[in-house]
Amino acid sequence: MIDISGKDITVRTATASGCIALGQESFNILKTGSCIKGDVFETAKIAAINAVKATPFLIAMCHPISTEAVKVEFATDEDSKSVCVSVKVKSSGKTGVEMEALTGASIACLTIYDMLKYKGKDMVITQIKLLQKTGGKSGDYKRQD
């Protein structure tokens, strides 16, 4: 692991997103709230928050952080029969929270897949990406696309 002992404590945020293409039948189940496993969005939200907190156990060189806030949002797209998730993480510390946000977005999409796979396994998870970050020595970043 990189030595972060000399770094300053600053407020750091990161927002990441990911999307999952569901297909018509799974999208209808999601829209109507009729998933036999339960509430897809609530389950995916809890999974994302847990993933943020578990990131240092999942990704070998990530430092443990003190998570101060996690915000998970979902947006559905009728045309593409997809869901996009956004995960924003906030912490005050010596290292960034990009990996936590990316892990949260990934696990939210995987959870949606798990909740709906009984209706079809042809769902596709795409576009896991960092949207923005603030704080730290390297400064702020905002994706331009």
N, C-alpha and C. Protein backbone atom coordinates (compact mmCIF):
# COMPACT_ATOMS: atom_id res chain seq x y z
N MET A 1 0.84 -1.20 0.00
CA MET A 1 0.00 0.00 0.00
C MET A 1 0.88 1.24 0.00
N ILE A 2 0.36 2.28 -0.59
CA ILE A 2 1.08 3.56 -0.62
C ILE A 2 1.01 4.19 0.77
N ASP A 3 2.10 4.83 1.17
CA ASP A 3 2.15 5.52 2.46
C ASP A 3 1.42 6.85 2.34
N ILE A 4 0.33 7.00 3.06
CA ILE A 4 -0.45 8.25 3.03
C ILE A 4 -0.29 9.06 4.31
N SER A 5 0.63 8.66 5.16
CA SER A 5 0.77 9.30 6.47
C SER A 5 1.13 10.78 6.37
N GLY A 6 1.79 11.19 5.31
CA GLY A 6 2.18 12.59 5.15
C GLY A 6 1.13 13.45 4.48
N LYS A 7 0.05 12.86 4.04
CA LYS A 7 -0.99 13.63 3.36
C LYS A 7 -1.85 14.39 4.35
N ASP A 8 -2.43 15.49 3.86
CA ASP A 8 -3.35 16.27 4.68
C ASP A 8 -4.74 15.64 4.67
N ILE A 9 -5.46 15.84 5.75
CA ILE A 9 -6.85 15.42 5.81
C ILE A 9 -7.68 16.49 5.11
N THR A 10 -8.42 16.08 4.10
CA THR A 10 -9.31 16.99 3.39
C THR A 10 -10.64 16.29 3.15
N VAL A 11 -11.66 17.10 2.88
CA VAL A 11 -12.96 16.53 2.49
C VAL A 11 -12.82 16.06 1.05
N ARG A 12 -13.23 14.82 0.82
CA ARG A 12 -13.12 14.22 -0.50
C ARG A 12 -14.47 13.64 -0.90
N THR A 13 -14.82 13.82 -2.16
CA THR A 13 -16.03 13.22 -2.69
C THR A 13 -15.70 12.54 -4.01
N ALA A 14 -16.50 11.58 -4.37
CA ALA A 14 -16.41 10.96 -5.70
C ALA A 14 -17.80 10.47 -6.08
N THR A 15 -18.11 10.63 -7.35
CA THR A 15 -19.36 10.13 -7.90
C THR A 15 -19.05 9.22 -9.08
N ALA A 16 -19.62 8.03 -9.06
CA ALA A 16 -19.44 7.07 -10.15
C ALA A 16 -20.80 6.58 -10.60
N SER A 17 -20.83 6.04 -11.80
CA SER A 17 -22.10 5.53 -12.32
C SER A 17 -21.89 4.23 -13.08
N GLY A 18 -22.98 3.56 -13.31
CA GLY A 18 -23.00 2.36 -14.12
C GLY A 18 -24.42 2.14 -14.61
N CYS A 19 -24.55 1.39 -15.69
CA CYS A 19 -25.87 1.13 -16.26
C CYS A 19 -26.05 -0.36 -16.49
N ILE A 20 -27.30 -0.79 -16.50
CA ILE A 20 -27.64 -2.16 -16.81
C ILE A 20 -28.83 -2.16 -17.77
N ALA A 21 -28.62 -2.79 -18.93
CA ALA A 21 -29.69 -2.98 -19.91
C ALA A 21 -30.45 -4.23 -19.51
N LEU A 22 -31.76 -4.10 -19.32
CA LEU A 22 -32.56 -5.18 -18.75
C LEU A 22 -33.30 -6.03 -19.77
N GLY A 23 -33.78 -5.44 -20.80
CA GLY A 23 -34.71 -6.12 -21.69
C GLY A 23 -36.13 -5.81 -21.26
N GLN A 24 -37.08 -6.03 -22.16
CA GLN A 24 -38.47 -5.61 -21.95
C GLN A 24 -39.11 -6.25 -20.72
N GLU A 25 -39.01 -7.56 -20.59
CA GLU A 25 -39.72 -8.24 -19.50
C GLU A 25 -39.18 -7.84 -18.13
N SER A 26 -37.88 -7.83 -17.98
CA SER A 26 -37.28 -7.42 -16.70
C SER A 26 -37.57 -5.96 -16.40
N PHE A 27 -37.55 -5.11 -17.44
CA PHE A 27 -37.85 -3.70 -17.25
C PHE A 27 -39.29 -3.51 -16.76
N ASN A 28 -40.22 -4.28 -17.33
CA ASN A 28 -41.62 -4.20 -16.89
C ASN A 28 -41.77 -4.61 -15.43
N ILE A 29 -41.07 -5.65 -15.02
CA ILE A 29 -41.10 -6.09 -13.62
C ILE A 29 -40.58 -4.98 -12.71
N LEU A 30 -39.48 -4.37 -13.13
CA LEU A 30 -38.90 -3.28 -12.34
C LEU A 30 -39.88 -2.11 -12.23
N LYS A 31 -40.48 -1.73 -13.36
CA LYS A 31 -41.42 -0.61 -13.39
C LYS A 31 -42.64 -0.84 -12.52
N THR A 32 -43.15 -2.06 -12.53
CA THR A 32 -44.37 -2.35 -11.78
C THR A 32 -44.10 -2.73 -10.33
N GLY A 33 -42.83 -2.91 -9.98
CA GLY A 33 -42.50 -3.29 -8.60
C GLY A 33 -42.95 -4.69 -8.25
N SER A 34 -42.97 -5.58 -9.24
CA SER A 34 -43.50 -6.93 -9.02
C SER A 34 -42.42 -8.01 -8.96
N CYS A 35 -41.20 -7.64 -8.64
CA CYS A 35 -40.12 -8.63 -8.54
C CYS A 35 -40.40 -9.60 -7.38
N ILE A 36 -40.30 -10.89 -7.65
CA ILE A 36 -40.59 -11.88 -6.61
C ILE A 36 -39.58 -11.88 -5.48
N LYS A 37 -38.40 -11.31 -5.71
CA LYS A 37 -37.37 -11.25 -4.68
C LYS A 37 -37.53 -10.04 -3.76
N GLY A 38 -38.37 -9.08 -4.16
CA GLY A 38 -38.56 -7.89 -3.32
C GLY A 38 -38.28 -6.61 -4.09
N ASP A 39 -38.10 -5.53 -3.35
CA ASP A 39 -37.89 -4.20 -3.92
C ASP A 39 -36.49 -4.11 -4.52
N VAL A 40 -36.42 -4.05 -5.84
CA VAL A 40 -35.13 -4.06 -6.55
C VAL A 40 -34.30 -2.84 -6.19
N PHE A 41 -34.89 -1.66 -6.23
CA PHE A 41 -34.13 -0.44 -5.97
C PHE A 41 -33.63 -0.35 -4.53
N GLU A 42 -34.48 -0.69 -3.57
CA GLU A 42 -34.04 -0.64 -2.17
C GLU A 42 -32.93 -1.65 -1.90
N THR A 43 -33.06 -2.84 -2.48
CA THR A 43 -32.03 -3.86 -2.29
C THR A 43 -30.72 -3.42 -2.92
N ALA A 44 -30.78 -2.86 -4.13
CA ALA A 44 -29.57 -2.39 -4.81
C ALA A 44 -28.94 -1.21 -4.08
N LYS A 45 -29.77 -0.36 -3.49
CA LYS A 45 -29.25 0.78 -2.72
C LYS A 45 -28.48 0.30 -1.48
N ILE A 46 -29.07 -0.63 -0.76
CA ILE A 46 -28.39 -1.17 0.42
C ILE A 46 -27.10 -1.89 0.02
N ALA A 47 -27.16 -2.65 -1.07
CA ALA A 47 -25.97 -3.35 -1.55
C ALA A 47 -24.86 -2.37 -1.92
N ALA A 48 -25.23 -1.26 -2.57
CA ALA A 48 -24.24 -0.25 -2.94
C ALA A 48 -23.58 0.36 -1.71
N ILE A 49 -24.37 0.69 -0.71
CA ILE A 49 -23.82 1.26 0.52
C ILE A 49 -22.89 0.27 1.21
N ASN A 50 -23.31 -0.98 1.29
CA ASN A 50 -22.45 -2.01 1.89
C ASN A 50 -21.17 -2.18 1.10
N ALA A 51 -21.25 -2.12 -0.22
CA ALA A 51 -20.06 -2.27 -1.07
C ALA A 51 -19.09 -1.12 -0.85
N VAL A 52 -19.63 0.10 -0.72
CA VAL A 52 -18.76 1.25 -0.44
C VAL A 52 -17.96 1.00 0.82
N LYS A 53 -18.63 0.55 1.86
CA LYS A 53 -17.97 0.31 3.15
C LYS A 53 -17.00 -0.88 3.10
N ALA A 54 -17.23 -1.83 2.20
CA ALA A 54 -16.40 -3.04 2.12
C ALA A 54 -15.28 -2.93 1.10
N THR A 55 -15.15 -1.81 0.40
CA THR A 55 -14.18 -1.69 -0.68
C THR A 55 -12.76 -2.10 -0.30
N PRO A 56 -12.22 -1.70 0.86
CA PRO A 56 -10.85 -2.10 1.17
C PRO A 56 -10.68 -3.62 1.36
N PHE A 57 -11.77 -4.32 1.59
CA PHE A 57 -11.69 -5.78 1.71
C PHE A 57 -11.79 -6.45 0.35
N LEU A 58 -12.32 -5.74 -0.63
CA LEU A 58 -12.51 -6.29 -1.97
C LEU A 58 -11.37 -5.94 -2.92
N ILE A 59 -10.81 -4.75 -2.78
CA ILE A 59 -9.74 -4.28 -3.66
C ILE A 59 -8.47 -4.17 -2.83
N ALA A 60 -7.50 -4.96 -3.20
CA ALA A 60 -6.34 -5.25 -2.36
C ALA A 60 -5.60 -4.04 -1.81
N MET A 61 -5.36 -3.02 -2.58
CA MET A 61 -4.51 -1.91 -2.13
C MET A 61 -5.28 -0.67 -1.68
N CYS A 62 -6.59 -0.80 -1.50
CA CYS A 62 -7.38 0.34 -1.02
C CYS A 62 -7.23 0.50 0.49
N HIS A 63 -7.06 1.74 0.90
CA HIS A 63 -6.99 2.04 2.33
C HIS A 63 -8.40 2.05 2.92
N PRO A 64 -8.55 1.61 4.15
CA PRO A 64 -9.84 1.79 4.82
C PRO A 64 -10.10 3.28 5.03
N ILE A 65 -11.33 3.68 4.85
CA ILE A 65 -11.68 5.10 5.03
C ILE A 65 -12.86 5.20 5.99
N SER A 66 -13.05 6.40 6.48
CA SER A 66 -14.22 6.70 7.30
C SER A 66 -15.27 7.31 6.36
N THR A 67 -16.27 6.52 6.02
CA THR A 67 -17.32 6.98 5.11
C THR A 67 -18.28 7.88 5.88
N GLU A 68 -18.46 9.11 5.39
CA GLU A 68 -19.34 10.06 6.05
C GLU A 68 -20.72 10.13 5.40
N ALA A 69 -20.79 9.83 4.11
CA ALA A 69 -22.08 9.88 3.42
C ALA A 69 -22.01 9.06 2.14
N VAL A 70 -23.12 8.42 1.82
CA VAL A 70 -23.28 7.72 0.54
C VAL A 70 -24.67 8.06 0.02
N LYS A 71 -24.72 8.51 -1.23
CA LYS A 71 -25.99 8.82 -1.88
C LYS A 71 -26.10 7.96 -3.13
N VAL A 72 -27.19 7.20 -3.22
CA VAL A 72 -27.41 6.30 -4.35
C VAL A 72 -28.68 6.75 -5.06
N GLU A 73 -28.58 6.96 -6.37
CA GLU A 73 -29.73 7.37 -7.17
C GLU A 73 -29.86 6.48 -8.40
N PHE A 74 -31.10 6.26 -8.82
CA PHE A 74 -31.39 5.43 -9.98
C PHE A 74 -32.17 6.24 -10.99
N ALA A 75 -31.88 6.00 -12.26
CA ALA A 75 -32.64 6.61 -13.36
C ALA A 75 -32.98 5.51 -14.36
N THR A 76 -34.26 5.40 -14.69
CA THR A 76 -34.68 4.41 -15.68
C THR A 76 -34.82 5.08 -17.03
N ASP A 77 -34.59 4.29 -18.08
CA ASP A 77 -34.73 4.78 -19.44
C ASP A 77 -35.66 3.83 -20.19
N GLU A 78 -36.84 4.31 -20.49
CA GLU A 78 -37.87 3.50 -21.17
C GLU A 78 -37.40 3.04 -22.55
N ASP A 79 -36.75 3.92 -23.29
CA ASP A 79 -36.34 3.58 -24.66
C ASP A 79 -35.34 2.43 -24.70
N SER A 80 -34.34 2.49 -23.84
CA SER A 80 -33.29 1.46 -23.84
C SER A 80 -33.58 0.32 -22.87
N LYS A 81 -34.69 0.44 -22.12
CA LYS A 81 -35.05 -0.59 -21.12
C LYS A 81 -33.86 -0.82 -20.17
N SER A 82 -33.35 0.28 -19.65
CA SER A 82 -32.16 0.21 -18.80
C SER A 82 -32.32 1.04 -17.54
N VAL A 83 -31.41 0.79 -16.62
CA VAL A 83 -31.32 1.56 -15.38
C VAL A 83 -29.88 2.03 -15.25
N CYS A 84 -29.71 3.30 -14.92
CA CYS A 84 -28.39 3.81 -14.58
C CYS A 84 -28.39 4.18 -13.10
N VAL A 85 -27.30 3.87 -12.45
CA VAL A 85 -27.15 4.15 -11.03
C VAL A 85 -26.01 5.15 -10.86
N SER A 86 -26.18 6.04 -9.90
CA SER A 86 -25.14 7.00 -9.54
C SER A 86 -24.87 6.84 -8.05
N VAL A 87 -23.59 6.75 -7.68
CA VAL A 87 -23.20 6.60 -6.29
C VAL A 87 -22.21 7.70 -5.95
N LYS A 88 -22.58 8.53 -4.96
CA LYS A 88 -21.69 9.60 -4.48
C LYS A 88 -21.24 9.26 -3.07
N VAL A 89 -19.93 9.34 -2.85
CA VAL A 89 -19.33 9.01 -1.55
C VAL A 89 -18.61 10.25 -1.03
N LYS A 90 -18.73 10.49 0.27
CA LYS A 90 -18.05 11.61 0.91
C LYS A 90 -17.29 11.11 2.13
N SER A 91 -16.07 11.65 2.29
CA SER A 91 -15.23 11.28 3.42
C SER A 91 -14.26 12.42 3.71
N SER A 92 -13.84 12.53 4.95
CA SER A 92 -12.74 13.42 5.31
C SER A 92 -11.57 12.53 5.66
N GLY A 93 -10.51 12.63 4.88
CA GLY A 93 -9.39 11.74 5.13
C GLY A 93 -8.18 12.08 4.29
N LYS A 94 -7.26 11.12 4.25
CA LYS A 94 -5.99 11.30 3.57
C LYS A 94 -5.93 10.62 2.20
N THR A 95 -7.01 9.97 1.82
CA THR A 95 -7.03 9.30 0.52
C THR A 95 -8.41 9.44 -0.09
N GLY A 96 -8.45 9.34 -1.41
CA GLY A 96 -9.69 9.57 -2.15
C GLY A 96 -10.70 8.45 -2.01
N VAL A 97 -11.88 8.70 -2.55
CA VAL A 97 -12.99 7.76 -2.44
C VAL A 97 -13.50 7.30 -3.80
N GLU A 98 -12.67 7.43 -4.83
CA GLU A 98 -13.08 7.02 -6.16
C GLU A 98 -13.39 5.53 -6.22
N MET A 99 -12.55 4.71 -5.63
CA MET A 99 -12.75 3.26 -5.70
C MET A 99 -14.02 2.86 -4.96
N GLU A 100 -14.33 3.55 -3.88
CA GLU A 100 -15.56 3.26 -3.14
C GLU A 100 -16.79 3.57 -4.00
N ALA A 101 -16.77 4.71 -4.69
CA ALA A 101 -17.90 5.07 -5.55
C ALA A 101 -18.04 4.10 -6.72
N LEU A 102 -16.93 3.74 -7.34
CA LEU A 102 -16.96 2.78 -8.45
C LEU A 102 -17.44 1.41 -8.00
N THR A 103 -17.01 0.98 -6.83
CA THR A 103 -17.44 -0.32 -6.30
C THR A 103 -18.93 -0.28 -5.99
N GLY A 104 -19.40 0.79 -5.40
CA GLY A 104 -20.82 0.92 -5.10
C GLY A 104 -21.68 0.86 -6.35
N ALA A 105 -21.27 1.57 -7.41
CA ALA A 105 -22.03 1.56 -8.66
C ALA A 105 -22.02 0.17 -9.28
N SER A 106 -20.89 -0.49 -9.26
CA SER A 106 -20.79 -1.84 -9.82
C SER A 106 -21.70 -2.82 -9.09
N ILE A 107 -21.65 -2.79 -7.77
CA ILE A 107 -22.44 -3.74 -6.98
C ILE A 107 -23.94 -3.43 -7.08
N ALA A 108 -24.31 -2.18 -7.21
CA ALA A 108 -25.72 -1.85 -7.41
C ALA A 108 -26.22 -2.50 -8.70
N CYS A 109 -25.44 -2.40 -9.77
CA CYS A 109 -25.83 -3.02 -11.04
C CYS A 109 -25.86 -4.54 -10.93
N LEU A 110 -24.89 -5.11 -10.26
CA LEU A 110 -24.88 -6.56 -10.08
C LEU A 110 -26.08 -7.03 -9.25
N THR A 111 -26.48 -6.23 -8.30
CA THR A 111 -27.64 -6.58 -7.48
C THR A 111 -28.93 -6.54 -8.30
N ILE A 112 -29.05 -5.53 -9.15
CA ILE A 112 -30.22 -5.48 -10.03
C ILE A 112 -30.25 -6.73 -10.91
N TYR A 113 -29.09 -7.11 -11.44
CA TYR A 113 -29.01 -8.34 -12.24
C TYR A 113 -29.49 -9.53 -11.41
N ASP A 114 -28.99 -9.66 -10.21
CA ASP A 114 -29.35 -10.79 -9.35
C ASP A 114 -30.84 -10.82 -9.05
N MET A 115 -31.41 -9.67 -8.80
CA MET A 115 -32.83 -9.59 -8.45
C MET A 115 -33.74 -9.98 -9.62
N LEU A 116 -33.27 -9.73 -10.86
CA LEU A 116 -34.11 -9.95 -12.03
C LEU A 116 -33.69 -11.11 -12.92
N LYS A 117 -32.64 -11.81 -12.57
CA LYS A 117 -32.12 -12.87 -13.44
C LYS A 117 -33.10 -14.03 -13.64
N TYR A 118 -34.07 -14.16 -12.77
CA TYR A 118 -35.05 -15.23 -12.94
C TYR A 118 -35.91 -15.02 -14.19
N LYS A 119 -35.93 -13.81 -14.73
CA LYS A 119 -36.70 -13.52 -15.95
C LYS A 119 -35.82 -13.50 -17.20
N GLY A 120 -34.54 -13.58 -17.03
CA GLY A 120 -33.65 -13.58 -18.19
C GLY A 120 -32.24 -13.25 -17.77
N LYS A 121 -31.31 -13.92 -18.39
CA LYS A 121 -29.90 -13.72 -18.02
C LYS A 121 -29.13 -12.95 -19.09
N ASP A 122 -29.86 -12.29 -19.99
CA ASP A 122 -29.21 -11.56 -21.07
C ASP A 122 -29.00 -10.08 -20.76
N MET A 123 -29.12 -9.70 -19.52
CA MET A 123 -28.88 -8.31 -19.13
C MET A 123 -27.39 -7.99 -19.31
N VAL A 124 -27.10 -6.72 -19.58
CA VAL A 124 -25.73 -6.30 -19.83
C VAL A 124 -25.40 -5.09 -18.94
N ILE A 125 -24.33 -5.21 -18.17
CA ILE A 125 -23.84 -4.11 -17.33
C ILE A 125 -22.77 -3.36 -18.11
N THR A 126 -22.92 -2.04 -18.19
CA THR A 126 -21.98 -1.23 -18.97
C THR A 126 -21.67 0.09 -18.26
N GLN A 127 -20.72 0.78 -18.83
CA GLN A 127 -20.44 2.18 -18.49
C GLN A 127 -20.14 2.43 -17.01
N ILE A 128 -19.43 1.53 -16.37
CA ILE A 128 -18.96 1.81 -15.01
C ILE A 128 -17.87 2.87 -15.15
N LYS A 129 -18.10 4.04 -14.56
CA LYS A 129 -17.12 5.11 -14.75
C LYS A 129 -17.18 6.13 -13.62
N LEU A 130 -16.06 6.78 -13.42
CA LEU A 130 -15.97 7.90 -12.48
C LEU A 130 -16.52 9.14 -13.17
N LEU A 131 -17.46 9.81 -12.54
CA LEU A 131 -18.03 11.03 -13.09
C LEU A 131 -17.30 12.28 -12.60
N GLN A 132 -16.98 12.27 -11.30
CA GLN A 132 -16.25 13.41 -10.74
C GLN A 132 -15.65 13.04 -9.40
N LYS A 133 -14.65 13.83 -9.01
CA LYS A 133 -14.06 13.72 -7.68
C LYS A 133 -13.64 15.10 -7.23
N THR A 134 -13.63 15.30 -5.91
CA THR A 134 -13.15 16.55 -5.35
C THR A 134 -12.21 16.25 -4.20
N GLY A 135 -11.33 17.20 -3.92
CA GLY A 135 -10.43 17.10 -2.77
C GLY A 135 -9.15 16.39 -3.08
N GLY A 136 -8.25 16.47 -2.12
CA GLY A 136 -6.98 15.79 -2.25
C GLY A 136 -5.94 16.57 -3.01
N LYS A 137 -4.73 16.03 -3.01
CA LYS A 137 -3.57 16.67 -3.63
C LYS A 137 -3.74 16.83 -5.14
N SER A 138 -4.35 15.85 -5.78
CA SER A 138 -4.49 15.91 -7.25
C SER A 138 -5.61 16.84 -7.69
N GLY A 139 -6.40 17.34 -6.76
CA GLY A 139 -7.43 18.31 -7.11
C GLY A 139 -8.71 17.68 -7.64
N ASP A 140 -9.52 18.51 -8.24
CA ASP A 140 -10.83 18.09 -8.70
C ASP A 140 -10.75 17.50 -10.11
N TYR A 141 -11.72 16.64 -10.40
CA TYR A 141 -11.83 16.01 -11.72
C TYR A 141 -13.31 15.95 -12.08
N LYS A 142 -13.63 16.23 -13.33
CA LYS A 142 -15.00 16.07 -13.82
C LYS A 142 -14.95 15.51 -15.23
N ARG A 143 -15.63 14.37 -15.42
CA ARG A 143 -15.68 13.74 -16.74
C ARG A 143 -16.34 14.70 -17.72
N GLN A 144 -15.78 14.77 -18.90
CA GLN A 144 -16.28 15.72 -19.90
C GLN A 144 -17.32 15.16 -20.86
N ASP A 145 -17.49 13.83 -20.92
CA ASP A 145 -18.47 13.27 -21.87
C ASP A 145 -19.83 13.09 -21.29
